[in-house]
Protein backbone atom coordinates (compact mmCIF):
# COMPACT_ATOMS: atom_id res chain seq x y z
CA UNK A 1 261.27 26.65 80.72
CA UNK A 2 263.19 29.84 81.30
CA UNK A 3 266.02 31.78 79.76
CA UNK A 4 269.06 32.94 81.67
CA UNK A 5 271.22 35.74 80.31
CA UNK A 6 274.72 36.84 81.18
CA UNK A 7 275.82 40.19 79.82
CA UNK A 8 279.04 42.15 79.71
CA UNK A 9 279.48 45.48 77.87
CA UNK A 10 280.30 43.74 74.57
CA UNK A 11 278.99 40.17 74.89
CA UNK A 12 275.71 38.58 75.86
CA UNK A 13 275.00 34.89 76.31
CA UNK A 14 271.60 33.29 76.67
CA UNK A 15 270.80 29.76 77.80
CA UNK A 16 267.47 27.98 77.79
CA UNK A 17 266.80 25.50 80.53
CA UNK A 18 263.87 23.20 80.99
CA UNK A 19 262.62 21.77 84.26
CA UNK A 20 261.45 18.17 84.29
CA UNK A 21 259.50 16.46 87.07
CA UNK A 22 260.53 12.88 87.63
CA UNK A 23 257.34 11.02 88.62
CA UNK A 24 259.09 8.13 90.40
CA UNK A 25 260.49 10.27 93.20
CA UNK A 26 258.93 13.73 92.65
CA UNK A 27 262.38 15.29 92.16
CA UNK A 28 262.96 18.04 89.65
CA UNK A 29 265.69 18.01 87.05
CA UNK A 30 266.94 21.13 85.24
CA UNK A 31 268.59 20.58 81.86
CA UNK A 32 270.24 23.03 79.48
CA UNK A 33 268.57 22.70 76.08
CA UNK A 34 270.35 25.42 74.13
CA UNK A 35 272.71 28.35 74.21
CA UNK A 36 273.61 31.32 72.03
CA UNK A 37 276.17 34.13 72.25
CA UNK A 38 276.16 37.58 70.73
CA UNK A 39 278.91 40.17 70.52
CA UNK A 40 278.91 43.85 69.69
CA UNK A 41 280.79 45.32 66.70
CA UNK A 42 283.54 46.39 69.15
CA UNK A 43 284.62 42.75 69.50
CA UNK A 44 285.17 42.21 65.76
CA UNK A 45 285.97 45.70 64.40
CA UNK A 46 286.96 44.31 61.00
CA UNK A 47 283.37 43.25 60.27
CA UNK A 48 281.73 46.14 62.19
CA UNK A 49 278.60 44.09 62.90
CA UNK A 50 276.99 42.32 65.78
CA UNK A 51 277.83 38.64 65.69
CA UNK A 52 275.61 35.70 66.56
CA UNK A 53 277.75 32.74 67.56
CA UNK A 54 277.74 29.56 69.58
CA UNK A 55 274.13 28.80 68.73
CA UNK A 56 273.56 25.27 70.00
CA UNK A 57 270.24 23.50 70.37
CA UNK A 58 269.60 19.92 71.32
CA UNK A 59 268.08 18.28 68.25
CA UNK A 60 265.60 16.27 70.30
CA UNK A 61 263.86 19.43 71.55
CA UNK A 62 263.64 21.43 68.32
CA UNK A 63 259.86 21.03 68.21
CA UNK A 64 259.59 23.12 71.40
CA UNK A 65 261.05 26.21 69.71
CA UNK A 66 263.78 26.87 72.26
CA UNK A 67 266.06 27.90 69.39
CA UNK A 68 263.54 30.56 68.39
CA UNK A 69 263.44 31.85 71.97
CA UNK A 70 267.24 32.07 72.06
CA UNK A 71 267.52 33.97 68.77
CA UNK A 72 264.66 36.33 69.69
CA UNK A 73 266.29 37.04 73.08
CA UNK A 74 269.60 37.79 71.39
CA UNK A 75 267.95 40.00 68.75
CA UNK A 76 266.19 41.97 71.50
CA UNK A 77 269.54 42.56 73.25
CA UNK A 78 271.11 43.65 69.94
CA UNK A 79 268.29 46.09 69.13
CA UNK A 80 268.48 47.61 72.62
CA UNK A 81 272.26 48.00 72.34
CA UNK A 82 272.07 49.40 68.81
CA UNK A 83 269.46 51.93 69.87
CA UNK A 84 271.61 53.05 72.83
CA UNK A 85 274.86 53.23 70.85
CA UNK A 86 273.32 54.69 67.66
CA UNK A 87 274.65 52.02 65.34
CA UNK A 88 272.82 49.77 62.87
CA UNK A 89 271.50 46.46 64.16
CA UNK A 90 273.23 44.41 61.51
CA UNK A 91 273.94 40.83 62.62
CA UNK A 92 276.28 38.26 61.10
CA UNK A 93 276.14 34.49 61.68
CA UNK A 94 278.43 31.77 60.36
CA UNK A 95 275.83 29.08 59.77
CA UNK A 96 276.50 25.41 59.28
CA UNK A 97 274.91 24.44 55.97
CA UNK A 98 272.12 22.30 57.50
CA UNK A 99 271.13 25.21 59.82
CA UNK A 100 270.73 27.82 57.08
CA UNK A 101 266.95 27.32 56.94
CA UNK A 102 266.70 27.99 60.66
CA UNK A 103 268.43 31.38 60.32
CA UNK A 104 266.46 32.22 57.17
CA UNK A 105 263.27 32.09 59.29
CA UNK A 106 264.60 35.18 61.10
CA UNK A 107 265.38 37.07 57.90
CA UNK A 108 269.03 36.11 57.54
CA UNK A 109 270.24 36.09 53.94
CA UNK A 110 273.31 34.55 52.34
CA UNK A 111 276.41 36.70 51.98
CA UNK A 112 279.48 35.51 50.09
CA UNK A 113 280.66 32.01 49.29
CA UNK A 114 280.60 28.94 51.49
CA UNK A 115 283.73 28.37 53.57
CA UNK A 116 285.25 25.72 55.77
CA UNK A 117 285.27 26.14 59.54
CA UNK A 118 286.85 23.34 61.59
CA UNK A 119 286.25 20.85 58.79
CA UNK A 120 282.56 21.73 58.36
CA UNK A 121 281.08 23.75 55.48
CA UNK A 122 279.61 27.08 56.63
CA UNK A 123 277.81 30.02 55.05
CA UNK A 124 277.94 33.63 56.19
CA UNK A 125 274.43 34.97 56.74
CA UNK A 126 273.35 38.52 57.62
CA UNK A 127 270.19 40.22 58.87
CA UNK A 128 269.34 43.90 59.38
CA UNK A 129 267.08 44.23 62.42
CA UNK A 130 264.67 47.17 62.56
CA UNK A 131 265.21 49.61 65.42
CA UNK A 132 261.90 51.01 66.68
CA UNK A 133 261.70 54.69 67.64
């Protein structure tokens, strides 16, 4: 498994891919198993925070912790950018209600009331990442 990242000055996307060997014909298959996107505060000046969005993981592979790898990769990018730009590494995520526990594992806490996004209930969650010296 490996992670691929694509970065622009204000956005970074990470994708996890797994390689599978097919025993019948010894071919390899590469499948995307998750993706996540992060943006700098410049993209959403009204909130003035980094934003975690488009976090998607295939449910069937959750036991392999690809979601954890994606969030940790994004957090690393955010901390590096925050350190360079001298701004706080405060991250906001609009979590679907069933995914709140996943984000809580990374220190995200509830902020505000639940809201509807495209017909699904969501909760704003925020984390303050430490910036090492």
